[in-house]
C-alpha atoms as a PDB file:
ATOM      1  CA  UNK A   1      19.560 -41.450 -17.654  1.00  0.00           C
ATOM      2  CA  UNK A   2      16.974 -44.012 -18.675  1.00  0.00           C
ATOM      3  CA  UNK A   3      14.649 -43.283 -21.538  1.00  0.00           C
ATOM      4  CA  UNK A   4      10.928 -42.679 -21.116  1.00  0.00           C
ATOM      5  CA  UNK A   5      10.033 -46.129 -22.495  1.00  0.00           C
ATOM      6  CA  UNK A   6      12.056 -47.799 -19.728  1.00  0.00           C
ATOM      7  CA  UNK A   7      10.383 -45.644 -17.086  1.00  0.00           C
ATOM      8  CA  UNK A   8       6.881 -46.383 -18.402  1.00  0.00           C
ATOM      9  CA  UNK A   9       7.647 -50.125 -18.597  1.00  0.00           C
ATOM     10  CA  UNK A  10       8.920 -50.169 -15.016  1.00  0.00           C
ATOM     11  CA  UNK A  11       5.867 -48.263 -13.788  1.00  0.00           C
ATOM     12  CA  UNK A  12       3.452 -50.688 -15.475  1.00  0.00           C
ATOM     13  CA  UNK A  13       5.380 -53.702 -14.141  1.00  0.00           C
ATOM     14  CA  UNK A  14       5.280 -52.233 -10.610  1.00  0.00           C
ATOM     15  CA  UNK A  15       1.510 -51.813 -10.832  1.00  0.00           C
ATOM     16  CA  UNK A  16       1.159 -55.373 -12.155  1.00  0.00           C
ATOM     17  CA  UNK A  17       3.338 -56.734  -9.358  1.00  0.00           C
ATOM     18  CA  UNK A  18       1.153 -55.002  -6.760  1.00  0.00           C
ATOM     19  CA  UNK A  19      -2.067 -56.343  -8.301  1.00  0.00           C
ATOM     20  CA  UNK A  20      -3.304 -59.478  -6.519  1.00  0.00           C
ATOM     21  CA  UNK A  21      -4.695 -61.006  -9.721  1.00  0.00           C
ATOM     22  CA  UNK A  22      -1.722 -59.954 -11.909  1.00  0.00           C
ATOM     23  CA  UNK A  23      -4.043 -57.937 -14.147  1.00  0.00           C
ATOM     24  CA  UNK A  24      -4.482 -54.188 -14.528  1.00  0.00           C
ATOM     25  CA  UNK A  25      -6.611 -51.841 -16.595  1.00  0.00           C
ATOM     26  CA  UNK A  26      -5.075 -48.529 -17.529  1.00  0.00           C
ATOM     27  CA  UNK A  27      -6.208 -45.507 -19.496  1.00  0.00           C
ATOM     28  CA  UNK A  28      -3.672 -44.704 -22.190  1.00  0.00           C
ATOM     29  CA  UNK A  29      -4.341 -40.959 -22.096  1.00  0.00           C
ATOM     30  CA  UNK A  30      -4.073 -40.818 -18.290  1.00  0.00           C
ATOM     31  CA  UNK A  31      -0.741 -42.625 -18.394  1.00  0.00           C
ATOM     32  CA  UNK A  32       0.490 -40.325 -21.177  1.00  0.00           C
ATOM     33  CA  UNK A  33      -0.487 -37.291 -19.088  1.00  0.00           C
ATOM     34  CA  UNK A  34       1.302 -38.737 -16.054  1.00  0.00           C
ATOM     35  CA  UNK A  35       4.537 -39.175 -18.015  1.00  0.00           C
ATOM     36  CA  UNK A  36       4.041 -36.065 -20.156  1.00  0.00           C
ATOM     37  CA  UNK A  37       4.334 -37.970 -23.409  1.00  0.00           C
ATOM     38  CA  UNK A  38       2.108 -38.680 -26.378  1.00  0.00           C
ATOM     39  CA  UNK A  39      -0.331 -41.620 -26.160  1.00  0.00           C
ATOM     40  CA  UNK A  40       1.490 -43.342 -29.034  1.00  0.00           C
ATOM     41  CA  UNK A  41       4.512 -43.676 -26.712  1.00  0.00           C
ATOM     42  CA  UNK A  42       2.332 -45.723 -24.353  1.00  0.00           C
ATOM     43  CA  UNK A  43       1.215 -47.839 -27.317  1.00  0.00           C
ATOM     44  CA  UNK A  44       4.842 -48.415 -28.294  1.00  0.00           C
ATOM     45  CA  UNK A  45       5.834 -49.575 -24.810  1.00  0.00           C
ATOM     46  CA  UNK A  46       2.870 -51.920 -24.527  1.00  0.00           C
ATOM     47  CA  UNK A  47       3.228 -53.397 -28.013  1.00  0.00           C
ATOM     48  CA  UNK A  48       6.970 -54.033 -27.707  1.00  0.00           C
ATOM     49  CA  UNK A  49       7.480 -54.891 -24.030  1.00  0.00           C
ATOM     50  CA  UNK A  50       4.227 -56.576 -23.024  1.00  0.00           C
ATOM     51  CA  UNK A  51       3.910 -59.278 -25.666  1.00  0.00           C
ATOM     52  CA  UNK A  52       2.585 -62.811 -25.487  1.00  0.00           C
ATOM     53  CA  UNK A  53       6.115 -64.130 -25.978  1.00  0.00           C
ATOM     54  CA  UNK A  54       7.155 -62.244 -22.850  1.00  0.00           C
ATOM     55  CA  UNK A  55       4.262 -63.660 -20.843  1.00  0.00           C
ATOM     56  CA  UNK A  56       1.623 -60.926 -21.152  1.00  0.00           C
ATOM     57  CA  UNK A  57      -1.867 -60.827 -22.612  1.00  0.00           C
ATOM     58  CA  UNK A  58      -2.970 -57.370 -23.720  1.00  0.00           C
ATOM     59  CA  UNK A  59      -6.525 -56.389 -24.615  1.00  0.00           C
ATOM     60  CA  UNK A  60      -7.745 -52.935 -25.490  1.00  0.00           C
ATOM     61  CA  UNK A  61     -11.067 -51.198 -25.836  1.00  0.00           C
ATOM     62  CA  UNK A  62     -11.108 -47.968 -27.742  1.00  0.00           C
ATOM     63  CA  UNK A  63     -13.465 -45.072 -27.290  1.00  0.00           C
ATOM     64  CA  UNK A  64     -14.415 -42.651 -24.519  1.00  0.00           C
ATOM     65  CA  UNK A  65     -14.365 -45.232 -21.729  1.00  0.00           C
ATOM     66  CA  UNK A  66     -11.613 -47.233 -23.357  1.00  0.00           C
ATOM     67  CA  UNK A  67      -8.882 -49.015 -21.509  1.00  0.00           C
ATOM     68  CA  UNK A  68      -5.885 -51.248 -21.983  1.00  0.00           C
ATOM     69  CA  UNK A  69      -5.948 -54.449 -19.940  1.00  0.00           C
ATOM     70  CA  UNK A  70      -2.608 -56.136 -19.274  1.00  0.00           C
ATOM     71  CA  UNK A  71      -2.382 -59.522 -17.624  1.00  0.00           C
ATOM     72  CA  UNK A  72       0.787 -61.356 -16.618  1.00  0.00           C
ATOM     73  CA  UNK A  73       0.440 -65.032 -17.410  1.00  0.00           C
ATOM     74  CA  UNK A  74       1.842 -67.781 -15.232  1.00  0.00           C
ATOM     75  CA  UNK A  75       4.038 -70.420 -16.780  1.00  0.00           C
ATOM     76  CA  UNK A  76       3.066 -74.056 -16.357  1.00  0.00           C
ATOM     77  CA  UNK A  77       5.039 -76.273 -14.014  1.00  0.00           C
ATOM     78  CA  UNK A  78       8.402 -77.690 -15.107  1.00  0.00           C
ATOM     79  CA  UNK A  79       6.824 -81.041 -16.034  1.00  0.00           C
ATOM     80  CA  UNK A  80       4.107 -79.379 -18.141  1.00  0.00           C
ATOM     81  CA  UNK A  81       6.437 -76.931 -19.898  1.00  0.00           C
ATOM     82  CA  UNK A  82       7.462 -79.050 -22.955  1.00  0.00           C
ATOM     83  CA  UNK A  83       3.826 -79.787 -23.831  1.00  0.00           C
ATOM     84  CA  UNK A  84       2.856 -76.158 -23.302  1.00  0.00           C
ATOM     85  CA  UNK A  85       5.685 -74.966 -25.557  1.00  0.00           C
ATOM     86  CA  UNK A  86       4.722 -77.392 -28.318  1.00  0.00           C
ATOM     87  CA  UNK A  87       1.033 -76.380 -28.125  1.00  0.00           C
ATOM     88  CA  UNK A  88       1.956 -72.680 -28.164  1.00  0.00           C
ATOM     89  CA  UNK A  89       4.572 -72.788 -30.927  1.00  0.00           C
ATOM     90  CA  UNK A  90       3.401 -75.670 -33.072  1.00  0.00           C
ATOM     91  CA  UNK A  91       5.657 -76.887 -35.861  1.00  0.00           C
ATOM     92  CA  UNK A  92       7.647 -73.691 -36.412  1.00  0.00           C
ATOM     93  CA  UNK A  93       8.326 -70.215 -35.012  1.00  0.00           C
ATOM     94  CA  UNK A  94       9.868 -67.054 -36.438  1.00  0.00           C
ATOM     95  CA  UNK A  95      13.151 -65.640 -35.122  1.00  0.00           C
ATOM     96  CA  UNK A  96      11.675 -62.660 -33.265  1.00  0.00           C
ATOM     97  CA  UNK A  97       9.122 -64.776 -31.379  1.00  0.00           C
ATOM     98  CA  UNK A  98      11.801 -67.368 -30.505  1.00  0.00           C
ATOM     99  CA  UNK A  99      14.080 -64.693 -29.059  1.00  0.00           C
ATOM    100  CA  UNK A 100      11.176 -63.293 -27.045  1.00  0.00           C
END
Protein backbone atom coordinates (compact mmCIF):
# COMPACT_ATOMS: atom_id res chain seq x y z
CA UNK A 1 0.00 0.00 0.00
CA UNK A 2 1.24 3.48 -0.79
CA UNK A 3 1.86 5.92 2.00
CA UNK A 4 -0.26 9.01 2.60
CA UNK A 5 2.43 11.35 1.22
CA UNK A 6 2.32 9.54 -2.14
CA UNK A 7 -1.47 9.75 -2.23
CA UNK A 8 -1.50 13.47 -1.40
CA UNK A 9 1.20 14.16 -4.02
CA UNK A 10 -0.75 12.28 -6.69
CA UNK A 11 -3.95 14.13 -5.80
CA UNK A 12 -2.27 17.54 -6.06
CA UNK A 13 -0.61 16.60 -9.37
CA UNK A 14 -3.99 15.44 -10.75
CA UNK A 15 -5.57 18.77 -9.83
CA UNK A 16 -2.64 20.63 -11.40
CA UNK A 17 -2.90 18.57 -14.58
CA UNK A 18 -6.60 19.40 -14.87
CA UNK A 19 -6.00 23.13 -14.35
CA UNK A 20 -5.82 25.02 -17.66
CA UNK A 21 -3.23 27.49 -16.36
CA UNK A 22 -1.18 24.85 -14.47
CA UNK A 23 -1.76 26.70 -11.19
CA UNK A 24 -3.94 25.83 -8.21
CA UNK A 25 -4.76 27.35 -4.84
CA UNK A 26 -5.51 24.95 -2.03
CA UNK A 27 -6.42 25.30 1.62
CA UNK A 28 -4.04 23.25 3.73
CA UNK A 29 -6.64 22.50 6.42
CA UNK A 30 -9.25 21.42 3.85
CA UNK A 31 -6.77 19.06 2.22
CA UNK A 32 -5.75 17.68 5.63
CA UNK A 33 -9.42 17.05 6.46
CA UNK A 34 -9.94 15.32 3.11
CA UNK A 35 -7.04 12.94 3.75
CA UNK A 36 -7.63 12.71 7.50
CA UNK A 37 -4.12 13.79 8.36
CA UNK A 38 -2.51 16.68 10.19
CA UNK A 39 -1.84 19.91 8.26
CA UNK A 40 1.91 19.46 8.79
CA UNK A 41 1.69 16.35 6.57
CA UNK A 42 0.44 18.59 3.75
CA UNK A 43 3.33 20.97 4.44
CA UNK A 44 5.78 18.08 4.25
CA UNK A 45 4.46 16.88 0.89
CA UNK A 46 4.51 20.36 -0.60
CA UNK A 47 7.96 21.28 0.72
CA UNK A 48 9.61 18.04 -0.42
CA UNK A 49 7.78 17.13 -3.63
CA UNK A 50 6.82 20.49 -5.12
CA UNK A 51 10.16 22.29 -5.17
CA UNK A 52 11.65 24.73 -7.64
CA UNK A 53 14.18 22.09 -8.68
CA UNK A 54 11.28 19.83 -9.64
CA UNK A 55 9.61 22.56 -11.67
CA UNK A 56 7.13 24.04 -9.18
CA UNK A 57 6.70 27.49 -7.66
CA UNK A 58 4.95 27.47 -4.30
CA UNK A 59 3.57 30.54 -2.54
CA UNK A 60 1.61 30.59 0.67
CA UNK A 61 -0.51 33.06 2.57
CA UNK A 62 -1.15 32.33 6.19
CA UNK A 63 -4.15 33.34 8.23
CA UNK A 64 -7.90 32.77 8.15
CA UNK A 65 -8.25 33.08 4.38
CA UNK A 66 -4.83 31.63 3.74
CA UNK A 67 -3.96 29.40 0.85
CA UNK A 68 -1.10 27.57 -0.79
CA UNK A 69 -0.61 28.36 -4.47
CA UNK A 70 1.27 25.79 -6.55
CA UNK A 71 2.26 26.47 -10.12
CA UNK A 72 3.92 24.03 -12.52
CA UNK A 73 6.55 25.83 -14.54
CA UNK A 74 7.26 25.10 -18.18
CA UNK A 75 10.79 24.36 -19.26
CA UNK A 76 12.31 26.47 -22.02
CA UNK A 77 12.81 24.99 -25.46
CA UNK A 78 15.74 22.66 -26.13
CA UNK A 79 17.79 25.49 -27.68
CA UNK A 80 17.17 27.80 -24.70
CA UNK A 81 17.83 25.16 -22.03
CA UNK A 82 21.63 25.61 -21.55
CA UNK A 83 21.25 29.36 -21.02
CA UNK A 84 18.31 28.83 -18.68
CA UNK A 85 20.26 26.29 -16.63
CA UNK A 86 23.26 28.60 -16.32
CA UNK A 87 21.06 31.56 -15.27
CA UNK A 88 19.22 29.40 -12.73
CA UNK A 89 22.23 27.62 -11.22
CA UNK A 90 24.99 30.16 -11.64
CA UNK A 91 28.55 29.11 -10.86
CA UNK A 92 27.78 26.26 -8.46
CA UNK A 93 24.98 24.11 -7.04
CA UNK A 94 24.66 21.86 -4.00
CA UNK A 95 24.19 18.10 -4.31
CA UNK A 96 20.52 17.99 -3.29
CA UNK A 97 19.49 20.69 -5.78
CA UNK A 98 21.51 19.00 -8.57
CA UNK A 99 19.79 15.67 -7.95
CA UNK A 100 16.40 17.40 -7.99
